[in-house]
């Protein structure tokens, strides 16, 4: 211990900059991590072999492998086992959940995929290098993001939401909010994929400074809005009993997001109230009356009051104010006023506020439009274009992350590899962790690989153990 502390003090003394001191100490500790993990992994491999040795397996070969973990790059040796009439395999790799020919551990792949899903791949490369010891090219991060995204898509399509609830019981809530909307992204070769999204939540938690949604669950699809609604319906049927629930739905009324689409997934409930998204309504008002700001303000007030006679009056007044302008422009503006009037008429029932409907709630809608930012920040602008499969994998990662299912999705695949080992793996780990009976202390020796100068900190650490 004193020897180690002396090395740290020596490293500290040899540098003048505090930043250099911390960076070099980080490299020094990384070397320690790699050395310790190498020997720990090889020890587990030895104990794991003992479990198989009693079953007639023997060592066919001892092979090296290098794997990049989040804490460092580890090169270790493990046994390939063989038995007559059985294919050879490497028990340690299966125990660690490492796939063939993969240079990165499952957790490292998860970190790379998370960064790749949230920022451009070149930026993810820099962030990865800053936050960890992992080095990977932007093309590697792109490939890993797509591979992991595809696995997450497959997992979400078969996920059983009821597994987290008591058997035969479904949740009963006073109010439930459901919203749907689509986000168009730029595609390649003239194809523009649409991200179809549906969000379900139980209201807004205002106790925190930043308001959050209660039990939010997001669903997305690149195929169609119908598929997104199908996922939401699957979730509702498994988790909620809506017989005594007030269901609030909200959308912009676009194709695939009409009220009847929500009726289909809600089914039988205590009461269903559908809203037209306020943001889209007021944006439509401003677009149609952009040539007359005074009438625009009066129309907004009329809509807020939900007074149809006042809406007609504003439309008539706006049309009468079209004077001293060319006939062509006048015809265009009259057409805009008429279109606005028809739009409001079609959606008049859904424009009513919570108070005007005498509901025991005051807000909770409009979150789907806000939630687009998670996807739009990654998929739009900066000249980005996507294939349908490429954006689908990124969207699956972002959705799983929002639903806190990303770790579970990736762990399930690893567990499916490790599970067949059962008690053999557990027994090997227990044996590896057992304290030796002998009280005689021995000095452990080892070698640290160094691909840089001998004067580097990894080189100095290597000499310390040699």
Protein backbone atom coordinates (compact mmCIF):
# COMPACT_ATOMS: atom_id res chain seq x y z
CA UNK A 1 0.00 0.00 0.00
CA UNK A 2 2.82 2.41 0.90
CA UNK A 3 4.46 1.64 -2.45
CA UNK A 4 1.27 2.59 -4.30
CA UNK A 5 0.83 5.80 -2.33
CA UNK A 6 4.44 6.71 -3.02
CA UNK A 7 3.86 6.33 -6.76
CA UNK A 8 0.81 8.61 -6.59
CA UNK A 9 2.76 11.25 -4.66
CA UNK A 10 5.62 10.99 -7.17
CA UNK A 11 3.23 11.46 -10.07
CA UNK A 12 1.73 14.46 -8.33
CA UNK A 13 5.13 16.08 -7.77
CA UNK A 14 6.29 15.65 -11.35
CA UNK A 15 3.52 17.80 -12.83
CA UNK A 16 2.93 21.53 -12.44
CA UNK A 17 -0.56 21.87 -13.94
CA UNK A 18 -3.52 20.63 -11.90
CA UNK A 19 -5.19 19.47 -15.12
CA UNK A 20 -2.11 17.45 -16.14
CA UNK A 21 -1.93 15.92 -12.67
CA UNK A 22 -5.54 14.74 -12.83
CA UNK A 23 -5.25 13.45 -16.39
CA UNK A 24 -2.10 11.48 -15.62
CA UNK A 25 -3.56 10.07 -12.41
CA UNK A 26 -6.60 9.00 -14.42
CA UNK A 27 -4.30 7.08 -16.81
CA UNK A 28 -2.48 5.57 -13.83
CA UNK A 29 -5.70 4.35 -12.19
CA UNK A 30 -6.90 3.08 -15.57
CA UNK A 31 -3.79 0.94 -15.77
CA UNK A 32 -4.58 -0.46 -12.34
CA UNK A 33 -8.16 -1.22 -13.38
CA UNK A 34 -7.03 -3.06 -16.46
CA UNK A 35 -4.46 -5.12 -14.57
CA UNK A 36 -6.87 -6.04 -11.77
CA UNK A 37 -9.71 -6.92 -14.14
CA UNK A 38 -7.45 -9.06 -16.30
CA UNK A 39 -6.50 -11.23 -13.34
CA UNK A 40 -10.04 -11.29 -11.92
CA UNK A 41 -11.47 -12.47 -15.25
CA UNK A 42 -8.81 -15.13 -15.68
CA UNK A 43 -9.46 -16.35 -12.14
CA UNK A 44 -13.18 -16.73 -12.85
CA UNK A 45 -12.30 -18.61 -16.05
CA UNK A 46 -10.18 -21.03 -14.04
CA UNK A 47 -12.96 -21.68 -11.54
CA UNK A 48 -15.54 -21.97 -14.32
CA UNK A 49 -13.42 -24.66 -15.96
CA UNK A 50 -13.45 -26.66 -12.75
CA UNK A 51 -17.25 -26.80 -12.97
CA UNK A 52 -17.10 -28.24 -16.49
CA UNK A 53 -14.11 -30.51 -15.85
CA UNK A 54 -16.25 -32.75 -13.63
CA UNK A 55 -18.72 -33.13 -16.53
CA UNK A 56 -16.12 -34.51 -18.94
CA UNK A 57 -15.04 -31.31 -20.65
CA UNK A 58 -11.34 -30.68 -21.25
CA UNK A 59 -9.24 -27.73 -22.40
CA UNK A 60 -8.84 -27.66 -26.16
CA UNK A 61 -6.90 -24.41 -26.35
CA UNK A 62 -6.09 -21.25 -24.39
CA UNK A 63 -6.86 -18.18 -26.49
CA UNK A 64 -6.36 -14.43 -25.91
CA UNK A 65 -9.09 -11.86 -26.36
CA UNK A 66 -9.18 -8.07 -26.09
CA UNK A 67 -12.42 -6.37 -25.07
CA UNK A 68 -13.08 -2.69 -24.55
CA UNK A 69 -14.99 -2.10 -21.31
CA UNK A 70 -16.08 1.35 -20.13
CA UNK A 71 -13.30 1.33 -17.51
CA UNK A 72 -10.55 0.21 -19.92
CA UNK A 73 -9.33 -2.18 -22.59
CA UNK A 74 -8.71 -5.65 -21.14
CA UNK A 75 -6.62 -8.38 -22.78
CA UNK A 76 -7.11 -11.74 -21.05
CA UNK A 77 -6.64 -15.45 -21.73
CA UNK A 78 -9.49 -17.96 -21.50
CA UNK A 79 -10.01 -21.66 -22.13
CA UNK A 80 -11.79 -23.18 -25.07
CA UNK A 81 -13.58 -26.32 -23.85
CA UNK A 82 -14.25 -29.46 -25.85
CA UNK A 83 -16.14 -32.69 -25.22
CA UNK A 84 -16.61 -35.69 -27.47
CA UNK A 85 -19.77 -35.36 -29.52
CA UNK A 86 -20.22 -31.69 -28.52
CA UNK A 87 -19.16 -28.47 -30.27
CA UNK A 88 -16.35 -26.58 -28.56
CA UNK A 89 -17.15 -23.31 -26.82
CA UNK A 90 -15.63 -20.68 -24.54
CA UNK A 91 -17.52 -20.71 -21.25
CA UNK A 92 -16.07 -17.41 -19.99
CA UNK A 93 -17.21 -15.39 -23.00
CA UNK A 94 -20.74 -16.72 -22.58
CA UNK A 95 -20.62 -15.99 -18.86
CA UNK A 96 -19.64 -12.38 -19.58
CA UNK A 97 -22.33 -12.05 -22.26
CA UNK A 98 -19.73 -11.34 -24.97
CA UNK A 99 -20.70 -12.19 -28.53
CA UNK A 100 -18.23 -13.59 -31.04
CA UNK A 101 -16.00 -11.11 -32.85
CA UNK A 102 -17.30 -8.17 -30.79
CA UNK A 103 -14.63 -5.79 -29.50
CA UNK A 104 -16.93 -3.89 -27.13
CA UNK A 105 -18.68 -5.10 -23.98
CA UNK A 106 -22.51 -4.92 -23.81
CA UNK A 107 -22.42 -1.91 -21.47
CA UNK A 108 -19.94 -0.10 -23.72
CA UNK A 109 -22.24 -0.74 -26.68
CA UNK A 110 -25.14 0.66 -24.64
CA UNK A 111 -23.19 3.85 -23.86
CA UNK A 112 -22.16 4.25 -27.51
CA UNK A 113 -25.75 3.72 -28.68
CA UNK A 114 -27.12 6.25 -26.18
CA UNK A 115 -24.67 8.88 -27.36
CA UNK A 116 -25.29 8.02 -31.03
CA UNK A 117 -29.04 8.32 -30.54
CA UNK A 118 -28.82 11.73 -28.88
CA UNK A 119 -26.19 13.53 -30.94
CA UNK A 120 -24.38 13.39 -34.31
CA UNK A 121 -21.95 10.48 -34.52
CA UNK A 122 -18.85 12.67 -34.81
CA UNK A 123 -19.90 14.56 -31.69
CA UNK A 124 -20.61 11.26 -29.94
CA UNK A 125 -17.04 10.17 -30.71
CA UNK A 126 -15.67 13.25 -28.90
CA UNK A 127 -18.08 12.88 -25.97
CA UNK A 128 -17.14 9.22 -25.55
CA UNK A 129 -13.44 10.03 -25.43
CA UNK A 130 -13.96 12.87 -22.94
CA UNK A 131 -16.21 10.91 -20.56
CA UNK A 132 -14.45 7.52 -20.63
CA UNK A 133 -11.38 5.63 -21.82
CA UNK A 134 -13.25 4.26 -24.84
CA UNK A 135 -11.98 5.16 -28.30
CA UNK A 136 -14.18 4.51 -31.33
CA UNK A 137 -14.57 6.09 -34.75
CA UNK A 138 -17.79 7.84 -35.71
CA UNK A 139 -18.53 5.06 -38.19
CA UNK A 140 -18.17 2.45 -35.43
CA UNK A 141 -20.55 4.40 -33.19
CA UNK A 142 -23.00 4.61 -36.11
CA UNK A 143 -22.83 0.85 -36.67
CA UNK A 144 -23.24 0.02 -32.97
CA UNK A 145 -26.15 2.48 -32.62
CA UNK A 146 -27.98 0.83 -35.50
CA UNK A 147 -27.31 -2.70 -34.21
CA UNK A 148 -28.45 -1.88 -30.67
CA UNK A 149 -31.45 0.10 -31.97
CA UNK A 150 -32.58 -2.90 -33.98
CA UNK A 151 -32.40 -5.13 -30.89
CA UNK A 152 -34.34 -2.58 -28.85
CA UNK A 153 -37.04 -2.40 -31.55
CA UNK A 154 -37.48 -6.15 -31.40
CA UNK A 155 -37.64 -6.09 -27.59
CA UNK A 156 -40.23 -3.29 -27.41
CA UNK A 157 -42.48 -5.04 -29.93
CA UNK A 158 -42.83 -8.01 -27.55
CA UNK A 159 -42.59 -6.29 -24.15
CA UNK A 160 -45.13 -7.34 -21.53
CA UNK A 161 -46.09 -4.21 -19.55
CA UNK A 162 -48.23 -6.29 -17.21
CA UNK A 163 -45.15 -8.00 -15.76
CA UNK A 164 -44.61 -5.06 -13.40
CA UNK A 165 -48.15 -5.22 -11.98
CA UNK A 166 -49.81 -7.56 -9.46
CA UNK A 167 -51.37 -10.60 -11.11
CA UNK A 168 -54.94 -10.21 -12.47
CA UNK A 169 -55.03 -6.55 -11.40
CA UNK A 170 -55.05 -3.45 -13.57
CA UNK A 171 -54.58 0.15 -12.46
CA UNK A 172 -57.59 2.37 -11.79
CA UNK A 173 -56.97 6.11 -12.14
CA UNK A 174 -59.26 9.13 -12.06
CA UNK A 175 -57.87 10.64 -15.26
CA UNK A 176 -55.71 9.46 -18.13
CA UNK A 177 -54.23 11.57 -20.94
CA UNK A 178 -53.50 10.27 -24.45
CA UNK A 179 -51.94 12.34 -27.23
CA UNK A 180 -50.80 11.59 -30.76
CA UNK A 181 -48.89 13.46 -33.44
CA UNK A 182 -46.48 12.93 -36.33
CA UNK A 183 -43.03 14.38 -37.02
CA UNK A 184 -41.76 14.54 -40.61
CA UNK A 185 -38.00 14.11 -41.15
CA UNK A 186 -35.90 14.50 -44.28
CA UNK A 187 -35.35 11.22 -46.08
CA UNK A 188 -32.99 10.06 -48.78
CA UNK A 189 -33.89 9.62 -52.44
CA UNK A 190 -37.04 11.74 -52.08
CA UNK A 191 -38.55 9.58 -49.33
CA UNK A 192 -39.52 11.50 -46.17
CA UNK A 193 -40.21 9.19 -43.19
CA UNK A 194 -42.73 10.26 -40.55
CA UNK A 195 -42.21 9.49 -36.88
CA UNK A 196 -45.67 8.61 -35.56
CA UNK A 197 -45.92 9.10 -31.80
CA UNK A 198 -48.47 8.44 -29.06
CA UNK A 199 -47.99 9.45 -25.42
CA UNK A 200 -49.93 8.19 -22.40
CA UNK A 201 -49.67 9.75 -18.92
CA UNK A 202 -51.67 10.26 -15.74
CA UNK A 203 -51.25 14.01 -15.34
CA UNK A 204 -48.62 16.57 -14.39
CA UNK A 205 -46.62 16.50 -11.17
CA UNK A 206 -46.21 20.14 -10.13
CA UNK A 207 -44.44 19.48 -6.84
CA UNK A 208 -41.02 19.85 -8.45
CA UNK A 209 -39.66 23.09 -9.88
CA UNK A 210 -39.65 21.51 -13.32
CA UNK A 211 -43.03 19.89 -13.91
CA UNK A 212 -42.94 16.24 -14.92
CA UNK A 213 -45.50 13.81 -16.34
CA UNK A 214 -46.81 11.09 -14.04
CA UNK A 215 -46.17 7.53 -15.29
CA UNK A 216 -45.46 8.69 -18.82
CA UNK A 217 -45.19 6.03 -21.52
CA UNK A 218 -44.25 6.86 -25.13
CA UNK A 219 -44.86 4.81 -28.27
CA UNK A 220 -43.42 5.40 -31.72
CA UNK A 221 -43.54 3.90 -35.18
CA UNK A 222 -42.08 4.62 -38.60
CA UNK A 223 -44.70 2.46 -40.32
CA UNK A 224 -47.95 4.30 -39.60
CA UNK A 225 -49.99 6.08 -36.95
CA UNK A 226 -52.13 2.93 -36.82
CA UNK A 227 -49.12 0.94 -35.60
CA UNK A 228 -48.32 3.54 -32.92
CA UNK A 229 -51.95 3.44 -31.72
CA UNK A 230 -51.81 -0.36 -31.72
CA UNK A 231 -48.81 -0.27 -29.36
CA UNK A 232 -50.63 2.18 -27.09
CA UNK A 233 -53.77 0.01 -27.09
CA UNK A 234 -51.67 -3.02 -26.13
CA UNK A 235 -50.29 -1.03 -23.19
CA UNK A 236 -53.70 0.29 -22.08
CA UNK A 237 -55.30 -3.17 -22.18
CA UNK A 238 -52.53 -4.64 -20.04
CA UNK A 239 -52.12 -1.86 -17.48
CA UNK A 240 -55.37 0.13 -17.01
CA UNK A 241 -58.99 -0.49 -16.08
CA UNK A 242 -60.76 2.56 -17.59
CA UNK A 243 -64.35 1.85 -16.49
CA UNK A 244 -64.26 4.70 -13.96
CA UNK A 245 -61.66 6.87 -15.71
CA UNK A 246 -61.97 10.25 -17.39
CA UNK A 247 -59.91 9.95 -20.58
CA UNK A 248 -58.53 13.16 -22.12
CA UNK A 249 -57.24 12.87 -25.68
CA UNK A 250 -55.51 15.54 -27.75
CA UNK A 251 -54.22 15.88 -31.32
CA UNK A 252 -53.85 18.35 -34.16
CA UNK A 253 -56.53 16.54 -36.18
CA UNK A 254 -54.16 15.49 -38.94
CA UNK A 255 -54.63 12.35 -41.01
CA UNK A 256 -54.46 9.32 -38.73
CA UNK A 257 -55.01 11.32 -35.55
CA UNK A 258 -58.77 12.00 -35.68
CA UNK A 259 -61.03 11.48 -32.66
CA UNK A 260 -62.28 8.10 -33.88
CA UNK A 261 -58.70 6.74 -33.79
CA UNK A 262 -58.58 7.53 -30.08
CA UNK A 263 -62.05 6.04 -29.56
CA UNK A 264 -60.73 2.75 -30.91
CA UNK A 265 -57.94 2.36 -28.35
CA UNK A 266 -59.82 3.84 -25.38
CA UNK A 267 -62.80 1.51 -25.62
CA UNK A 268 -65.23 1.61 -22.71
CA UNK A 269 -64.50 4.34 -20.13
CA UNK A 270 -66.40 6.63 -17.76
CA UNK A 271 -66.03 9.68 -20.03
CA UNK A 272 -63.96 10.57 -23.10
CA UNK A 273 -63.18 14.20 -23.98
CA UNK A 274 -61.22 14.99 -27.12
CA UNK A 275 -59.31 18.27 -27.60
CA UNK A 276 -57.85 19.98 -30.62
CA UNK A 277 -54.27 20.93 -29.80
CA UNK A 278 -54.17 24.60 -28.75
CA UNK A 279 -50.79 25.27 -30.33
CA UNK A 280 -52.00 24.15 -33.77
CA UNK A 281 -55.29 26.07 -33.47
CA UNK A 282 -53.60 29.39 -32.72
CA UNK A 283 -50.92 28.77 -35.33
CA UNK A 284 -53.70 28.26 -37.89
CA UNK A 285 -55.34 31.54 -36.80
CA UNK A 286 -52.10 33.46 -37.20
CA UNK A 287 -51.37 31.92 -40.60
CA UNK A 288 -54.81 32.71 -42.04
CA UNK A 289 -55.06 36.25 -40.63
CA UNK A 290 -51.39 37.23 -40.87
CA UNK A 291 -52.35 40.19 -43.13
CA UNK A 292 -54.53 41.82 -40.41
CA UNK A 293 -53.03 41.77 -36.90
CA UNK A 294 -56.01 43.51 -35.32
CA UNK A 295 -58.47 40.91 -36.60
CA UNK A 296 -56.02 38.19 -35.61
CA UNK A 297 -56.14 39.38 -31.99
CA UNK A 298 -59.94 39.61 -31.99
CA UNK A 299 -60.23 36.09 -33.49
CA UNK A 300 -58.03 34.65 -30.74
CA UNK A 301 -60.29 36.23 -28.11
CA UNK A 302 -63.40 34.86 -29.86
CA UNK A 303 -61.96 31.34 -29.91
CA UNK A 304 -60.95 31.56 -26.25
CA UNK A 305 -64.52 32.60 -25.35
CA UNK A 306 -65.83 29.82 -27.60
CA UNK A 307 -68.37 32.24 -29.11
CA UNK A 308 -69.30 31.22 -32.66
CA UNK A 309 -71.33 34.38 -33.36
CA UNK A 310 -68.25 36.42 -32.46
CA UNK A 311 -66.12 34.28 -34.80
CA UNK A 312 -68.53 34.99 -37.68
CA UNK A 313 -68.50 38.68 -36.83
CA UNK A 314 -64.69 38.82 -36.89
CA UNK A 315 -64.60 36.96 -40.24
CA UNK A 316 -67.10 39.42 -41.75
CA UNK A 317 -65.21 42.42 -40.39
CA UNK A 318 -61.87 41.07 -41.67
CA UNK A 319 -63.39 40.63 -45.13
CA UNK A 320 -64.86 44.15 -45.11
CA UNK A 321 -61.43 45.60 -44.31
CA UNK A 322 -60.03 44.28 -47.60
CA UNK A 323 -60.03 47.60 -49.38
CA UNK A 324 -57.52 49.47 -51.51
CA UNK A 325 -55.68 46.29 -52.49
CA UNK A 326 -55.43 44.55 -55.90
CA UNK A 327 -58.31 42.21 -56.75
CA UNK A 328 -55.99 39.23 -56.98
CA UNK A 329 -54.70 39.77 -53.43
CA UNK A 330 -58.24 40.41 -52.21
CA UNK A 331 -59.42 37.05 -53.62
CA UNK A 332 -56.54 35.21 -51.95
CA UNK A 333 -57.24 36.79 -48.54
CA UNK A 334 -60.98 36.12 -48.79
CA UNK A 335 -60.13 32.50 -49.49
CA UNK A 336 -57.89 32.41 -46.36
CA UNK A 337 -60.70 33.81 -44.20
CA UNK A 338 -63.16 31.26 -45.59
CA UNK A 339 -60.72 28.38 -44.98
CA UNK A 340 -60.18 29.54 -41.40
CA UNK A 341 -63.91 29.69 -40.78
CA UNK A 342 -64.37 26.14 -42.13
CA UNK A 343 -61.44 24.88 -40.04
CA UNK A 344 -62.94 26.35 -36.85
CA UNK A 345 -66.37 24.96 -37.71
CA UNK A 346 -65.01 21.43 -38.19
CA UNK A 347 -63.13 21.51 -34.92
CA UNK A 348 -65.46 23.72 -32.87
CA UNK A 349 -66.52 20.93 -30.55
CA UNK A 350 -62.90 20.09 -29.71
CA UNK A 351 -61.71 23.67 -29.14
CA UNK A 352 -63.62 24.05 -25.87
CA UNK A 353 -61.38 24.54 -22.83
CA UNK A 354 -61.38 22.38 -19.69
CA UNK A 355 -63.41 24.98 -17.83
CA UNK A 356 -65.99 25.33 -20.60
CA UNK A 357 -66.55 21.56 -20.50
CA UNK A 358 -66.96 21.65 -16.71
CA UNK A 359 -64.09 19.19 -16.19
CA UNK A 360 -62.41 18.71 -12.79
CA UNK A 361 -59.03 19.36 -14.47
CA UNK A 362 -57.31 22.46 -15.74
CA UNK A 363 -54.40 21.29 -17.94
CA UNK A 364 -52.31 18.33 -19.04
CA UNK A 365 -52.55 18.49 -22.85
CA UNK A 366 -50.01 19.65 -25.41
CA UNK A 367 -47.16 17.44 -24.19
CA UNK A 368 -46.82 15.46 -27.42
CA UNK A 369 -45.86 18.56 -29.40
CA UNK A 370 -43.31 19.49 -26.74
CA UNK A 371 -42.04 15.91 -26.68
CA UNK A 372 -41.11 16.17 -30.36
CA UNK A 373 -37.96 18.02 -29.31
CA UNK A 374 -36.28 14.84 -28.11
CA UNK A 375 -36.60 13.46 -31.65
CA UNK A 376 -36.35 16.65 -33.73
CA UNK A 377 -33.08 17.79 -32.10
CA UNK A 378 -31.49 14.55 -33.29
CA UNK A 379 -33.18 13.95 -36.64
CA UNK A 380 -33.74 17.40 -38.17
CA UNK A 381 -31.67 20.32 -39.48
CA UNK A 382 -27.92 20.51 -40.19
CA UNK A 383 -28.57 18.86 -43.56
CA UNK A 384 -29.37 15.48 -42.02
CA UNK A 385 -31.20 12.89 -44.05
CA UNK A 386 -32.25 9.40 -43.06
CA UNK A 387 -33.23 6.03 -44.37
CA UNK A 388 -36.39 4.63 -42.85
CA UNK A 389 -34.56 1.83 -41.04
CA UNK A 390 -31.83 4.19 -39.81
CA UNK A 391 -34.19 6.68 -38.19
CA UNK A 392 -36.38 3.82 -36.87
CA UNK A 393 -33.44 2.42 -34.88
CA UNK A 394 -32.56 5.82 -33.42
CA UNK A 395 -36.22 6.50 -32.55
CA UNK A 396 -36.47 3.09 -30.82
CA UNK A 397 -33.46 3.98 -28.64
CA UNK A 398 -34.88 7.40 -27.73
CA UNK A 399 -38.30 5.91 -26.94
CA UNK A 400 -36.83 3.10 -24.80
CA UNK A 401 -34.73 5.69 -22.95
CA UNK A 402 -37.82 7.81 -22.24
CA UNK A 403 -39.69 4.76 -20.94
CA UNK A 404 -36.70 3.64 -18.81
CA UNK A 405 -36.57 0.35 -20.72
CA UNK A 406 -33.22 0.67 -22.51
CA UNK A 407 -31.16 -1.09 -19.85
CA UNK A 408 -33.79 -3.80 -19.50
CA UNK A 409 -33.94 -4.36 -23.26
CA UNK A 410 -30.19 -4.87 -23.55
CA UNK A 411 -29.89 -6.86 -20.31
CA UNK A 412 -32.52 -9.32 -21.54
CA UNK A 413 -30.36 -10.31 -24.50
CA UNK A 414 -27.31 -10.83 -22.28
CA UNK A 415 -29.38 -12.81 -19.78
CA UNK A 416 -30.60 -15.10 -22.56
CA UNK A 417 -26.96 -16.00 -23.24
CA UNK A 418 -25.92 -16.36 -19.60
CA UNK A 419 -29.06 -18.11 -18.33
CA UNK A 420 -28.23 -21.58 -19.78
CA UNK A 421 -25.07 -21.60 -17.67
CA UNK A 422 -27.26 -21.40 -14.57
CA UNK A 423 -25.63 -22.62 -11.40
CA UNK A 424 -22.35 -23.34 -13.20
CA UNK A 425 -21.67 -19.64 -13.57
CA UNK A 426 -22.82 -18.82 -10.05
CA UNK A 427 -20.65 -21.59 -8.66
CA UNK A 428 -17.62 -20.34 -10.55
CA UNK A 429 -18.08 -16.82 -9.22
CA UNK A 430 -18.50 -18.12 -5.67
CA UNK A 431 -15.30 -20.17 -6.00
CA UNK A 432 -13.43 -17.17 -7.39
CA UNK A 433 -14.53 -15.02 -4.46
CA UNK A 434 -13.61 -17.55 -1.77
CA UNK A 435 -10.72 -16.59 0.46
CA UNK A 436 -7.73 -18.99 0.33
CA UNK A 437 -7.39 -21.21 3.41
CA UNK A 438 -3.65 -20.66 3.66
CA UNK A 439 -2.56 -17.66 5.68
CA UNK A 440 0.71 -17.45 3.80
CA UNK A 441 0.95 -14.20 1.90
CA UNK A 442 2.26 -14.32 -1.65
CA UNK A 443 3.30 -11.48 -3.88
CA UNK A 444 1.23 -11.38 -7.08
CA UNK A 445 3.15 -10.73 -10.28
CA UNK A 446 1.86 -9.67 -13.64
CA UNK A 447 2.57 -7.74 -16.77
CA UNK A 448 0.86 -4.63 -18.08
CA UNK A 449 0.80 -4.17 -21.86
CA UNK A 450 2.28 -0.85 -22.91
CA UNK A 451 2.11 0.36 -26.50
CA UNK A 452 3.55 3.79 -25.75
CA UNK A 453 6.85 5.20 -24.48
CA UNK A 454 8.51 3.53 -21.50
CA UNK A 455 8.52 6.95 -19.80
CA UNK A 456 4.73 7.20 -19.97
CA UNK A 457 2.62 6.63 -16.86
CA UNK A 458 1.40 3.26 -18.13
CA UNK A 459 5.05 2.38 -18.83
CA UNK A 460 6.06 3.38 -15.30
CA UNK A 461 3.20 1.36 -13.85
CA UNK A 462 4.29 -1.63 -15.95
CA UNK A 463 7.83 -1.41 -14.63
CA UNK A 464 6.50 -1.23 -11.08
CA UNK A 465 4.92 -4.67 -11.48
CA UNK A 466 7.70 -6.28 -13.50
